[in-house]
């Protein structure tokens, strides 16, 4: 996290092409909070750093509860709905 504490994503998804995703679902009301925005920035920095150091493509996906419901179990749809 941006305050220096440890960050643990809720989910890690590995696609068939080898892309690794840190997936962070949150309540819609929390998506714009300072804490969630800080986690998002820290996770994106981490993903970029690890990708550049390892050659493994890491990405971050922040999704709200509405995104999860609208995706209806589709990973492809969730990726389009998230941020």
Protein backbone atom coordinates (compact mmCIF):
# COMPACT_ATOMS: atom_id res chain seq x y z
CA UNK A 1 0.00 0.00 0.00
CA UNK A 2 1.02 3.59 -0.35
CA UNK A 3 1.52 3.90 3.44
CA UNK A 4 4.25 1.23 3.40
CA UNK A 5 2.16 -1.62 4.81
CA UNK A 6 1.95 -4.97 3.04
CA UNK A 7 -0.45 -5.39 0.15
CA UNK A 8 -2.19 -8.68 -0.51
CA UNK A 9 -4.58 -8.82 -3.47
CA UNK A 10 -7.88 -10.61 -3.08
CA UNK A 11 -7.26 -12.69 -6.21
CA UNK A 12 -4.48 -13.51 -8.63
CA UNK A 13 -5.65 -14.68 -12.04
CA UNK A 14 -3.27 -16.27 -14.55
CA UNK A 15 -4.53 -16.33 -18.11
CA UNK A 16 -3.62 -19.01 -20.63
CA UNK A 17 -1.31 -16.54 -22.39
CA UNK A 18 0.66 -16.12 -19.15
CA UNK A 19 -0.67 -12.69 -18.18
CA UNK A 20 -0.96 -12.40 -14.40
CA UNK A 21 -3.66 -10.19 -12.88
CA UNK A 22 -3.94 -8.77 -9.38
CA UNK A 23 -7.72 -8.51 -8.95
CA UNK A 24 -9.20 -6.30 -6.27
CA UNK A 25 -13.00 -6.32 -5.88
CA UNK A 26 -14.47 -3.55 -3.75
CA UNK A 27 -17.87 -2.21 -2.79
CA UNK A 28 -18.97 0.43 -5.30
CA UNK A 29 -19.08 3.05 -2.54
CA UNK A 30 -15.39 2.45 -1.74
CA UNK A 31 -13.95 2.68 -5.25
CA UNK A 32 -13.02 6.35 -4.97
CA UNK A 33 -11.78 6.37 -1.38
CA UNK A 34 -8.25 7.48 -0.66
CA UNK A 35 -7.32 4.07 0.74
CA UNK A 36 -8.50 2.18 -2.35
CA UNK A 37 -6.87 4.70 -4.70
CA UNK A 38 -3.62 4.31 -2.75
CA UNK A 39 -3.77 0.53 -3.08
CA UNK A 40 -4.50 0.85 -6.77
CA UNK A 41 -1.49 3.09 -7.39
CA UNK A 42 0.81 0.89 -5.32
CA UNK A 43 -0.39 -2.30 -7.04
CA UNK A 44 0.03 -0.79 -10.50
CA UNK A 45 3.56 0.35 -9.63
CA UNK A 46 4.37 -3.12 -8.30
CA UNK A 47 2.93 -4.81 -11.42
CA UNK A 48 4.92 -2.54 -13.73
CA UNK A 49 8.11 -3.12 -11.76
CA UNK A 50 7.74 -6.90 -11.60
CA UNK A 51 6.80 -7.07 -15.29
CA UNK A 52 9.92 -5.14 -16.27
CA UNK A 53 12.16 -7.25 -14.02
CA UNK A 54 10.80 -10.70 -14.87
CA UNK A 55 9.37 -10.48 -18.37
CA UNK A 56 6.08 -11.84 -17.00
CA UNK A 57 3.15 -9.55 -17.80
CA UNK A 58 1.47 -8.44 -14.56
CA UNK A 59 -1.61 -6.18 -14.54
CA UNK A 60 -3.98 -4.78 -11.94
CA UNK A 61 -7.77 -4.81 -12.10
CA UNK A 62 -9.98 -2.90 -9.68
CA UNK A 63 -13.63 -3.90 -9.90
CA UNK A 64 -16.74 -2.79 -8.08
CA UNK A 65 -19.58 -5.01 -6.98
CA UNK A 66 -21.70 -3.77 -9.88
CA UNK A 67 -18.91 -4.73 -12.31
CA UNK A 68 -18.84 -8.25 -10.86
CA UNK A 69 -22.61 -8.59 -11.15
CA UNK A 70 -22.69 -7.16 -14.68
CA UNK A 71 -19.92 -9.51 -15.84
CA UNK A 72 -22.13 -12.50 -14.96
CA UNK A 73 -19.18 -14.81 -14.45
CA UNK A 74 -17.34 -13.78 -17.61
CA UNK A 75 -13.67 -12.95 -17.10
CA UNK A 76 -13.53 -11.18 -20.49
CA UNK A 77 -16.47 -8.98 -19.50
CA UNK A 78 -15.02 -8.25 -16.06
CA UNK A 79 -11.74 -7.07 -17.59
CA UNK A 80 -13.68 -4.62 -19.79
CA UNK A 81 -15.78 -3.35 -16.88
CA UNK A 82 -12.96 -2.92 -14.35
CA UNK A 83 -10.32 -0.25 -14.04
